C-alpha atoms as a PDB file:
ATOM      1  CA  UNK A   1      21.420 -40.570  -7.941  1.00  0.00           C
ATOM      2  CA  UNK A   2      22.889 -38.500  -5.211  1.00  0.00           C
ATOM      3  CA  UNK A   3      20.888 -36.353  -2.707  1.00  0.00           C
ATOM      4  CA  UNK A   4      21.803 -33.423  -4.441  1.00  0.00           C
ATOM      5  CA  UNK A   5      20.844 -34.392  -7.746  1.00  0.00           C
ATOM      6  CA  UNK A   6      17.501 -35.486  -6.385  1.00  0.00           C
ATOM      7  CA  UNK A   7      17.105 -32.043  -4.814  1.00  0.00           C
ATOM      8  CA  UNK A   8      18.038 -30.493  -8.327  1.00  0.00           C
ATOM      9  CA  UNK A   9      15.558 -32.294 -10.219  1.00  0.00           C
ATOM     10  CA  UNK A  10      12.785 -31.640  -7.383  1.00  0.00           C
ATOM     11  CA  UNK A  11      13.367 -28.062  -7.894  1.00  0.00           C
ATOM     12  CA  UNK A  12      13.724 -28.027 -11.611  1.00  0.00           C
ATOM     13  CA  UNK A  13      10.073 -30.062 -11.849  1.00  0.00           C
ATOM     14  CA  UNK A  14       8.267 -26.999 -10.254  1.00  0.00           C
ATOM     15  CA  UNK A  15       7.087 -23.880 -11.647  1.00  0.00           C
ATOM     16  CA  UNK A  16       8.663 -20.674 -10.740  1.00  0.00           C
ATOM     17  CA  UNK A  17       7.583 -16.889 -10.722  1.00  0.00           C
ATOM     18  CA  UNK A  18       9.599 -13.886 -11.701  1.00  0.00           C
ATOM     19  CA  UNK A  19       9.927 -11.644  -8.691  1.00  0.00           C
ATOM     20  CA  UNK A  20       8.986  -8.432 -10.306  1.00  0.00           C
ATOM     21  CA  UNK A  21       9.120  -6.584  -7.306  1.00  0.00           C
ATOM     22  CA  UNK A  22      13.060  -6.818  -6.952  1.00  0.00           C
ATOM     23  CA  UNK A  23      14.052  -5.943 -10.744  1.00  0.00           C
ATOM     24  CA  UNK A  24      17.527  -4.759  -9.352  1.00  0.00           C
ATOM     25  CA  UNK A  25      18.084  -8.335  -8.135  1.00  0.00           C
ATOM     26  CA  UNK A  26      16.451 -10.641 -10.794  1.00  0.00           C
ATOM     27  CA  UNK A  27      15.375 -13.984  -9.418  1.00  0.00           C
ATOM     28  CA  UNK A  28      12.687 -16.484  -9.365  1.00  0.00           C
ATOM     29  CA  UNK A  29      10.219 -17.978  -6.318  1.00  0.00           C
ATOM     30  CA  UNK A  30       7.960 -21.032  -6.266  1.00  0.00           C
ATOM     31  CA  UNK A  31       5.599 -21.258  -3.109  1.00  0.00           C
ATOM     32  CA  UNK A  32       4.742 -24.187  -0.926  1.00  0.00           C
ATOM     33  CA  UNK A  33       0.791 -23.689  -1.871  1.00  0.00           C
ATOM     34  CA  UNK A  34       2.199 -24.771  -5.505  1.00  0.00           C
ATOM     35  CA  UNK A  35       3.829 -27.822  -4.631  1.00  0.00           C
ATOM     36  CA  UNK A  36       1.432 -31.011  -4.584  1.00  0.00           C
ATOM     37  CA  UNK A  37       3.376 -32.625  -1.706  1.00  0.00           C
ATOM     38  CA  UNK A  38       3.949 -30.202   1.259  1.00  0.00           C
ATOM     39  CA  UNK A  39       6.437 -32.372   2.876  1.00  0.00           C
ATOM     40  CA  UNK A  40       8.611 -32.590  -0.467  1.00  0.00           C
ATOM     41  CA  UNK A  41       8.425 -28.769  -0.186  1.00  0.00           C
ATOM     42  CA  UNK A  42       9.622 -29.125   3.615  1.00  0.00           C
ATOM     43  CA  UNK A  43      12.511 -31.587   2.772  1.00  0.00           C
ATOM     44  CA  UNK A  44      13.660 -29.446   0.144  1.00  0.00           C
ATOM     45  CA  UNK A  45      13.977 -26.503   2.504  1.00  0.00           C
ATOM     46  CA  UNK A  46      15.546 -28.670   4.992  1.00  0.00           C
ATOM     47  CA  UNK A  47      18.133 -29.765   2.374  1.00  0.00           C
ATOM     48  CA  UNK A  48      18.970 -26.260   1.017  1.00  0.00           C
ATOM     49  CA  UNK A  49      19.729 -25.198   4.684  1.00  0.00           C
ATOM     50  CA  UNK A  50      21.731 -28.465   5.475  1.00  0.00           C
ATOM     51  CA  UNK A  51      23.868 -28.508   2.331  1.00  0.00           C
ATOM     52  CA  UNK A  52      24.188 -24.650   1.912  1.00  0.00           C
ATOM     53  CA  UNK A  53      26.316 -21.964   3.005  1.00  0.00           C
ATOM     54  CA  UNK A  54      25.573 -18.493   4.765  1.00  0.00           C
ATOM     55  CA  UNK A  55      25.455 -15.545   2.564  1.00  0.00           C
ATOM     56  CA  UNK A  56      24.656 -12.008   3.196  1.00  0.00           C
ATOM     57  CA  UNK A  57      22.114 -10.122   1.172  1.00  0.00           C
ATOM     58  CA  UNK A  58      21.144  -6.368   2.263  1.00  0.00           C
ATOM     59  CA  UNK A  59      22.349  -6.836   6.103  1.00  0.00           C
ATOM     60  CA  UNK A  60      20.558 -10.153   6.041  1.00  0.00           C
ATOM     61  CA  UNK A  61      21.919 -13.794   6.428  1.00  0.00           C
ATOM     62  CA  UNK A  62      20.749 -16.237   4.528  1.00  0.00           C
ATOM     63  CA  UNK A  63      21.585 -19.833   3.690  1.00  0.00           C
ATOM     64  CA  UNK A  64      22.088 -20.327  -0.022  1.00  0.00           C
ATOM     65  CA  UNK A  65      22.465 -23.672  -2.122  1.00  0.00           C
ATOM     66  CA  UNK A  66      24.635 -23.497  -5.691  1.00  0.00           C
ATOM     67  CA  UNK A  67      23.176 -26.199  -7.900  1.00  0.00           C
ATOM     68  CA  UNK A  68      24.447 -26.162 -11.456  1.00  0.00           C
ATOM     69  CA  UNK A  69      24.003 -22.631 -12.749  1.00  0.00           C
ATOM     70  CA  UNK A  70      21.466 -21.695 -10.157  1.00  0.00           C
ATOM     71  CA  UNK A  71      21.475 -20.524  -6.510  1.00  0.00           C
ATOM     72  CA  UNK A  72      18.539 -21.423  -4.070  1.00  0.00           C
ATOM     73  CA  UNK A  73      17.625 -19.953  -0.868  1.00  0.00           C
ATOM     74  CA  UNK A  74      14.507 -20.038   1.182  1.00  0.00           C
ATOM     75  CA  UNK A  75      12.385 -17.482   2.949  1.00  0.00           C
ATOM     76  CA  UNK A  76      10.851 -17.783   6.339  1.00  0.00           C
ATOM     77  CA  UNK A  77      11.724 -19.979   9.444  1.00  0.00           C
ATOM     78  CA  UNK A  78      11.603 -22.855  10.383  1.00  0.00           C
ATOM     79  CA  UNK A  79      10.938 -25.296   7.296  1.00  0.00           C
ATOM     80  CA  UNK A  80       8.059 -27.039   8.852  1.00  0.00           C
ATOM     81  CA  UNK A  81       5.249 -25.334  11.296  1.00  0.00           C
ATOM     82  CA  UNK A  82       5.795 -26.056  14.887  1.00  0.00           C
ATOM     83  CA  UNK A  83       3.403 -27.827  16.891  1.00  0.00           C
ATOM     84  CA  UNK A  84       0.449 -25.585  17.596  1.00  0.00           C
ATOM     85  CA  UNK A  85       1.520 -22.745  15.082  1.00  0.00           C
ATOM     86  CA  UNK A  86      -0.295 -21.930  12.099  1.00  0.00           C
ATOM     87  CA  UNK A  87       0.918 -23.235   8.607  1.00  0.00           C
ATOM     88  CA  UNK A  88       1.894 -19.610   7.667  1.00  0.00           C
ATOM     89  CA  UNK A  89       4.609 -19.405  10.314  1.00  0.00           C
ATOM     90  CA  UNK A  90       6.951 -21.670   8.614  1.00  0.00           C
ATOM     91  CA  UNK A  91       8.882 -21.123   5.243  1.00  0.00           C
ATOM     92  CA  UNK A  92       6.369 -20.419   2.238  1.00  0.00           C
ATOM     93  CA  UNK A  93       8.828 -19.367  -0.354  1.00  0.00           C
ATOM     94  CA  UNK A  94      12.145 -20.968  -2.164  1.00  0.00           C
ATOM     95  CA  UNK A  95      13.900 -18.598  -4.252  1.00  0.00           C
ATOM     96  CA  UNK A  96      16.432 -19.048  -7.022  1.00  0.00           C
ATOM     97  CA  UNK A  97      18.671 -17.403  -9.128  1.00  0.00           C
ATOM     98  CA  UNK A  98      20.011 -18.618 -12.244  1.00  0.00           C
ATOM     99  CA  UNK A  99      22.828 -17.818 -14.731  1.00  0.00           C
ATOM    100  CA  UNK A 100      24.746 -15.626 -12.407  1.00  0.00           C
ATOM    101  CA  UNK A 101      27.203 -18.174 -11.416  1.00  0.00           C
ATOM    102  CA  UNK A 102      27.611 -16.824  -8.070  1.00  0.00           C
ATOM    103  CA  UNK A 103      25.083 -16.444  -5.021  1.00  0.00           C
ATOM    104  CA  UNK A 104      22.659 -13.974  -5.277  1.00  0.00           C
ATOM    105  CA  UNK A 105      24.571 -11.388  -2.676  1.00  0.00           C
ATOM    106  CA  UNK A 106      27.867 -11.733  -4.313  1.00  0.00           C
ATOM    107  CA  UNK A 107      29.255 -12.297  -0.682  1.00  0.00           C
ATOM    108  CA  UNK A 108      29.781 -15.441   1.473  1.00  0.00           C
ATOM    109  CA  UNK A 109      30.556 -15.635   4.771  1.00  0.00           C
END
């Protein structure tokens, strides 16, 4: 199994919540807190950023990764808390948008 196949399998194995605050951009998210293994969440975050591409959405640049029919992107920086910093200072969300066939922004850079 390739690294991206493993990543896709990992992402599909978690619970996702519809982001009701953005009905104009329907997507879902999963939280670090909901994952049993925090290191797996961090690995997933790092891999999305390492293998993804830059895309703009509402003036901000994100790293998005297309896997199958879904696009994934993370919220927050860095993926792991820095030494001496609280846990919440690192990425806490991974988002996905499925069925669109293109990145959530529609624009890539």
